[in-house]
Amino acid sequence: MSGPDDRVLPATRWVAIAIIPFLVIAAFLLFAFPTRTGELFAWPIDPPLTAYVLASAYVGGIWFFIGVVRANQWHRVRHGFPAVVVFAGALLAATLLHLDRFSQNLSFFTWITLYATTPFVVAVLAVAQHRRDPRTPAAVDVDLPLIARIGLASIGGAALLVGAAMFVFPDAAADVWAWQLTPLTAQVTGSVLTLTGVVNLALLVDARWTSFRLLFQAQLLSLAAIVVSVAARWGDLLWDRASTPAFLVLIAAAVVSYGGFTLWCESRLREAARRTLEGVSARRQ
């Protein structure tokens, strides 16, 4: 068996390359034609804000899988794979539970084919790649403080619990959520929430910023897309529900905290790169 060389296997890159076009097409259809999802997408989604939220997850996924294709070290992308497995697996389960809600069109057959295969293929790749992570810092890296990791993992754990609750109790979620949901869209929205949860919980076992740099970039892109989506579909929000202002506050807090934390880590990483370069220059003199 190969040792921990931190290499991304060719099969992993090829799977990422295969996934990206489907994410791009899905995000485009959901953003550009949110009122025609029954015709152009896998099932009719109403209100459009739900379509936008799902598309926002795909935006982050596009960035992540582009990063997988470009990555020269496995540890830089490894923590995204369990999140993809959980997300895709949950969407497969939601699909099988609500087959009567789906359109019998090309988009649906593409959808069911992708979600019937993606969670299993990605899980196999994650297992195959697992031992390749040397679990040591990159040549230029910074350690994340334990208090920050615990805080972000707590946020992730809360998101995962809410997402799981929405999946298990979709009718109850539909009664209290910030916009109108059906049992299917409640489970889809809950599946989206699991992405942050699974990624952030990995902070409890890995302190390397380079292990999360790409994933936080992807999450920030998704958050930015959600902010734009909410602004575009402001009228879809149900203001008679307490969850609506709570949702908006949480999104704003997530943007500020994730953005601030990422900028701080990037500043530390640039400083580490500068010190490394100075050390190399000093040794050459």
Protein backbone atom coordinates (compact mmCIF):
# COMPACT_ATOMS: atom_id res chain seq x y z
CA MET A 1 0.00 0.00 0.00
CA SER A 2 1.23 3.47 -0.86
CA GLY A 3 2.49 5.61 2.00
CA PRO A 4 1.24 9.05 3.09
CA ASP A 5 2.55 10.98 0.08
CA ASP A 6 -0.38 13.47 0.18
CA ARG A 7 -1.06 12.79 -3.49
CA VAL A 8 -4.43 13.28 -5.16
CA LEU A 9 -5.15 10.16 -7.19
CA PRO A 10 -5.98 10.53 -10.91
CA ALA A 11 -9.35 8.85 -10.33
CA THR A 12 -10.22 11.53 -7.77
CA ARG A 13 -9.44 14.31 -10.24
CA TRP A 14 -11.44 12.63 -13.02
CA VAL A 15 -14.50 12.23 -10.82
CA ALA A 16 -14.25 15.91 -9.88
CA ILE A 17 -13.97 16.84 -13.56
CA ALA A 18 -17.07 14.75 -14.31
CA ILE A 19 -19.12 16.35 -11.51
CA ILE A 20 -18.36 20.01 -12.26
CA PRO A 21 -20.43 20.37 -15.49
CA PHE A 22 -23.54 18.98 -13.79
CA LEU A 23 -23.17 21.43 -10.91
CA VAL A 24 -22.71 24.32 -13.33
CA ILE A 25 -25.81 23.37 -15.34
CA ALA A 26 -27.92 22.82 -12.21
CA ALA A 27 -26.86 26.15 -10.67
CA PHE A 28 -27.57 27.97 -13.94
CA LEU A 29 -31.05 26.45 -14.32
CA LEU A 30 -32.00 27.15 -10.71
CA PHE A 31 -30.73 30.74 -10.73
CA ALA A 32 -31.86 31.68 -14.23
CA PHE A 33 -35.22 29.90 -14.34
CA PRO A 34 -36.46 29.49 -10.75
CA THR A 35 -40.12 29.62 -11.81
CA ARG A 36 -39.68 26.92 -14.49
CA THR A 37 -38.09 24.19 -12.37
CA GLY A 38 -40.91 21.73 -13.03
CA GLU A 39 -40.15 21.96 -16.73
CA LEU A 40 -36.38 22.44 -16.79
CA PHE A 41 -35.21 20.96 -13.49
CA ALA A 42 -35.89 17.64 -11.78
CA TRP A 43 -39.05 18.75 -9.96
CA PRO A 44 -41.16 21.91 -9.46
CA ILE A 45 -39.71 24.02 -6.65
CA ASP A 46 -41.81 26.72 -5.02
CA PRO A 47 -41.08 29.33 -3.81
CA PRO A 48 -38.03 30.22 -5.92
CA LEU A 49 -36.00 31.01 -2.80
CA THR A 50 -35.63 27.27 -2.16
CA ALA A 51 -34.28 26.82 -5.68
CA TYR A 52 -31.81 29.64 -5.04
CA VAL A 53 -30.61 28.08 -1.77
CA LEU A 54 -29.97 24.74 -3.49
CA ALA A 55 -28.17 26.56 -6.30
CA SER A 56 -26.04 28.37 -3.70
CA ALA A 57 -24.85 25.00 -2.40
CA TYR A 58 -23.94 24.05 -5.96
CA VAL A 59 -21.93 27.27 -6.35
CA GLY A 60 -19.78 26.25 -3.40
CA GLY A 61 -19.55 22.74 -4.82
CA ILE A 62 -18.26 24.06 -8.13
CA TRP A 63 -15.46 25.92 -6.37
CA PHE A 64 -14.63 22.89 -4.24
CA PHE A 65 -14.40 20.42 -7.12
CA ILE A 66 -12.36 22.87 -9.20
CA GLY A 67 -10.02 22.90 -6.21
CA VAL A 68 -9.93 19.10 -6.19
CA VAL A 69 -8.90 19.10 -9.85
CA ARG A 70 -6.14 21.62 -9.17
CA ALA A 71 -4.98 20.34 -5.76
CA ASN A 72 -1.43 19.08 -5.43
CA GLN A 73 -2.01 17.72 -1.91
CA TRP A 74 -4.83 15.47 -0.71
CA HIS A 75 -5.10 17.02 2.73
CA ARG A 76 -6.22 20.32 1.18
CA VAL A 77 -9.49 18.77 -0.02
CA ARG A 78 -10.03 15.64 2.09
CA HIS A 79 -12.53 17.13 4.55
CA GLY A 80 -14.89 18.08 1.76
CA PHE A 81 -15.45 14.48 0.73
CA PRO A 82 -17.42 13.32 3.82
CA ALA A 83 -19.60 16.43 3.48
CA VAL A 84 -20.34 15.55 -0.16
CA VAL A 85 -21.18 11.96 0.82
CA VAL A 86 -23.66 13.08 3.50
CA PHE A 87 -25.21 15.79 1.29
CA ALA A 88 -25.57 13.60 -1.80
CA GLY A 89 -26.73 10.62 0.25
CA ALA A 90 -29.41 12.73 1.93
CA LEU A 91 -30.63 14.02 -1.44
CA LEU A 92 -30.81 10.45 -2.74
CA ALA A 93 -32.90 9.43 0.27
CA ALA A 94 -35.18 12.47 -0.16
CA THR A 95 -35.63 11.60 -3.83
CA LEU A 96 -36.61 8.00 -3.08
CA LEU A 97 -39.05 9.16 -0.40
CA HIS A 98 -40.79 11.61 -2.76
CA LEU A 99 -40.55 10.07 -6.22
CA ASP A 100 -44.12 11.18 -6.98
CA ARG A 101 -43.01 14.82 -6.77
CA PHE A 102 -40.43 14.55 -9.55
CA SER A 103 -40.88 15.39 -13.22
CA GLN A 104 -40.37 12.62 -15.73
CA ASN A 105 -37.88 14.54 -17.85
CA LEU A 106 -34.20 14.47 -18.76
CA SER A 107 -33.28 16.57 -15.73
CA PHE A 108 -34.85 14.04 -13.36
CA PHE A 109 -33.15 11.06 -14.98
CA THR A 110 -29.85 12.95 -14.79
CA TRP A 111 -30.59 13.83 -11.14
CA ILE A 112 -31.41 10.29 -10.05
CA THR A 113 -28.41 8.86 -11.90
CA LEU A 114 -26.04 11.34 -10.27
CA TYR A 115 -27.38 10.94 -6.75
CA ALA A 116 -27.61 7.17 -7.03
CA THR A 117 -23.89 7.04 -7.80
CA THR A 118 -22.14 10.14 -6.40
CA PRO A 119 -22.32 9.38 -2.64
CA PHE A 120 -20.92 5.88 -3.16
CA VAL A 121 -18.19 6.87 -5.64
CA VAL A 122 -17.05 9.78 -3.49
CA ALA A 123 -17.06 7.57 -0.38
CA VAL A 124 -14.88 4.97 -2.13
CA LEU A 125 -12.45 7.68 -3.22
CA ALA A 126 -12.29 9.11 0.30
CA VAL A 127 -11.44 5.68 1.70
CA ALA A 128 -8.88 5.01 -1.03
CA GLN A 129 -7.21 8.36 -0.37
CA HIS A 130 -7.47 8.28 3.42
CA ARG A 131 -3.99 6.99 4.25
CA ARG A 132 -2.28 9.42 1.89
CA ASP A 133 -2.62 12.33 4.30
CA PRO A 134 0.66 12.57 6.27
CA ARG A 135 -1.17 14.62 8.91
CA THR A 136 1.70 17.11 9.02
CA PRO A 137 1.56 20.81 8.18
CA ALA A 138 2.23 21.93 4.62
CA ALA A 139 5.53 23.64 3.83
CA VAL A 140 3.74 26.94 4.47
CA ASP A 141 0.92 26.54 6.94
CA VAL A 142 -0.56 27.87 10.17
CA ASP A 143 -2.17 26.12 13.12
CA LEU A 144 -5.74 27.10 13.98
CA PRO A 145 -6.26 27.97 17.66
CA LEU A 146 -8.20 25.37 19.63
CA ILE A 147 -10.79 27.90 20.82
CA ALA A 148 -11.55 28.93 17.22
CA ARG A 149 -11.82 25.33 16.12
CA ILE A 150 -14.20 24.48 18.96
CA GLY A 151 -16.33 27.54 18.20
CA LEU A 152 -16.61 26.79 14.50
CA ALA A 153 -17.21 23.10 15.19
CA SER A 154 -20.04 24.09 17.54
CA ILE A 155 -21.62 26.16 14.77
CA GLY A 156 -21.21 23.24 12.41
CA GLY A 157 -22.68 20.81 14.91
CA ALA A 158 -25.72 23.05 15.36
CA ALA A 159 -26.18 23.29 11.58
CA LEU A 160 -25.89 19.51 11.28
CA LEU A 161 -28.47 18.95 14.02
CA VAL A 162 -30.91 21.40 12.45
CA GLY A 163 -30.37 19.85 9.04
CA ALA A 164 -30.93 16.36 10.43
CA ALA A 165 -34.08 17.50 12.26
CA MET A 166 -35.44 19.03 9.06
CA PHE A 167 -34.80 15.77 7.25
CA VAL A 168 -36.37 13.52 9.91
CA PHE A 169 -39.27 15.87 10.72
CA PRO A 170 -39.95 17.72 7.44
CA ASP A 171 -43.58 18.54 8.25
CA ALA A 172 -42.63 20.20 11.53
CA ALA A 173 -39.84 22.10 9.77
CA ALA A 174 -42.27 23.34 7.12
CA ASP A 175 -44.51 24.76 9.85
CA VAL A 176 -41.80 26.99 11.35
CA TRP A 177 -39.25 27.72 8.58
CA ALA A 178 -38.56 31.23 7.29
CA TRP A 179 -40.25 30.55 3.96
CA GLN A 180 -42.75 28.03 2.67
CA LEU A 181 -41.50 24.46 2.41
CA THR A 182 -42.94 21.11 1.40
CA PRO A 183 -41.73 17.86 2.99
CA LEU A 184 -39.40 17.39 0.01
CA THR A 185 -37.95 20.90 0.02
CA ALA A 186 -37.61 20.76 3.82
CA GLN A 187 -35.42 17.68 3.43
CA VAL A 188 -33.46 19.30 0.60
CA THR A 189 -32.87 22.43 2.69
CA GLY A 190 -31.82 20.27 5.62
CA SER A 191 -29.38 18.45 3.35
CA VAL A 192 -27.80 21.78 2.40
CA LEU A 193 -27.29 22.59 6.08
CA THR A 194 -25.36 19.37 6.62
CA LEU A 195 -22.54 20.59 4.37
CA THR A 196 -21.34 23.20 6.87
CA GLY A 197 -21.89 20.83 9.74
CA VAL A 198 -19.76 17.97 8.45
CA VAL A 199 -16.94 20.26 7.30
CA ASN A 200 -16.74 22.20 10.56
CA LEU A 201 -16.76 19.13 12.78
CA ALA A 202 -13.53 18.06 11.09
CA LEU A 203 -11.88 21.06 12.76
CA LEU A 204 -11.88 19.05 15.99
CA VAL A 205 -9.34 16.61 14.54
CA ASP A 206 -7.28 18.79 12.19
CA ALA A 207 -5.67 22.14 13.08
CA ARG A 208 -4.06 22.90 9.68
CA TRP A 209 -5.46 25.95 7.90
CA THR A 210 -4.44 24.47 4.56
CA SER A 211 -6.86 21.61 5.26
CA PHE A 212 -9.78 24.03 5.36
CA ARG A 213 -8.72 26.96 3.21
CA LEU A 214 -10.50 25.78 0.05
CA LEU A 215 -13.55 24.64 2.00
CA PHE A 216 -13.99 27.99 3.71
CA GLN A 217 -13.67 29.73 0.35
CA ALA A 218 -16.43 27.46 -0.97
CA GLN A 219 -18.62 28.16 2.07
CA LEU A 220 -18.14 31.89 1.68
CA LEU A 221 -19.18 31.70 -1.97
CA SER A 222 -22.28 29.77 -0.96
CA LEU A 223 -23.07 32.31 1.75
CA ALA A 224 -22.63 35.19 -0.69
CA ALA A 225 -24.99 33.44 -3.10
CA ILE A 226 -27.54 32.98 -0.30
CA VAL A 227 -27.33 36.67 0.61
CA VAL A 228 -27.98 37.63 -3.01
CA SER A 229 -30.78 35.05 -3.19
CA VAL A 230 -32.53 36.41 -0.11
CA ALA A 231 -32.25 39.95 -1.45
CA ALA A 232 -33.67 38.86 -4.81
CA ARG A 233 -36.53 36.86 -3.27
CA TRP A 234 -37.26 39.03 -0.23
CA GLY A 235 -40.96 38.57 -0.84
CA ASP A 236 -40.72 34.81 -0.31
CA LEU A 237 -39.90 35.28 3.38
CA LEU A 238 -42.71 34.75 5.89
CA TRP A 239 -42.47 37.66 8.31
CA ASP A 240 -45.10 36.32 10.69
CA ARG A 241 -42.68 33.57 11.74
CA ALA A 242 -39.99 34.09 14.38
CA SER A 243 -37.60 31.99 12.35
CA THR A 244 -37.40 34.62 9.61
CA PRO A 245 -35.45 37.32 11.49
CA ALA A 246 -33.46 34.56 13.22
CA PHE A 247 -32.48 33.13 9.83
CA LEU A 248 -31.38 36.55 8.55
CA VAL A 249 -29.33 37.22 11.70
CA LEU A 250 -27.65 33.82 11.43
CA ILE A 251 -26.76 34.35 7.77
CA ALA A 252 -25.31 37.80 8.53
CA ALA A 253 -23.37 36.40 11.50
CA ALA A 254 -22.05 33.54 9.35
CA VAL A 255 -20.83 35.95 6.66
CA VAL A 256 -19.06 38.13 9.22
CA SER A 257 -17.56 35.29 11.24
CA TYR A 258 -16.50 33.12 8.30
CA GLY A 259 -15.24 36.12 6.35
CA GLY A 260 -13.33 37.56 9.28
CA PHE A 261 -11.85 34.21 10.25
CA THR A 262 -10.76 33.50 6.67
CA LEU A 263 -9.13 36.92 6.30
CA TRP A 264 -7.30 36.46 9.61
CA CYS A 265 -6.04 33.01 8.60
CA GLU A 266 -4.96 34.27 5.19
CA SER A 267 -3.03 37.10 6.83
CA ARG A 268 -1.24 34.62 9.08
CA LEU A 269 -0.55 32.36 6.08
CA ARG A 270 1.01 35.24 4.13
CA GLU A 271 3.17 36.06 7.14
CA ALA A 272 4.27 32.42 7.37
CA ALA A 273 5.11 32.45 3.66
CA ARG A 274 7.14 35.63 4.11
CA ARG A 275 9.12 34.12 6.99
CA THR A 276 9.73 30.94 5.03
CA LEU A 277 10.99 32.92 2.04
CA GLU A 278 13.27 35.00 4.25
CA GLY A 279 14.64 31.82 5.81
CA VAL A 280 15.37 30.31 2.40
CA SER A 281 17.07 33.54 1.27
CA ALA A 282 19.17 33.65 4.45
CA ARG A 283 20.36 30.07 3.95
CA ARG A 284 21.41 30.83 0.39
CA GLN A 285 23.58 33.78 1.42
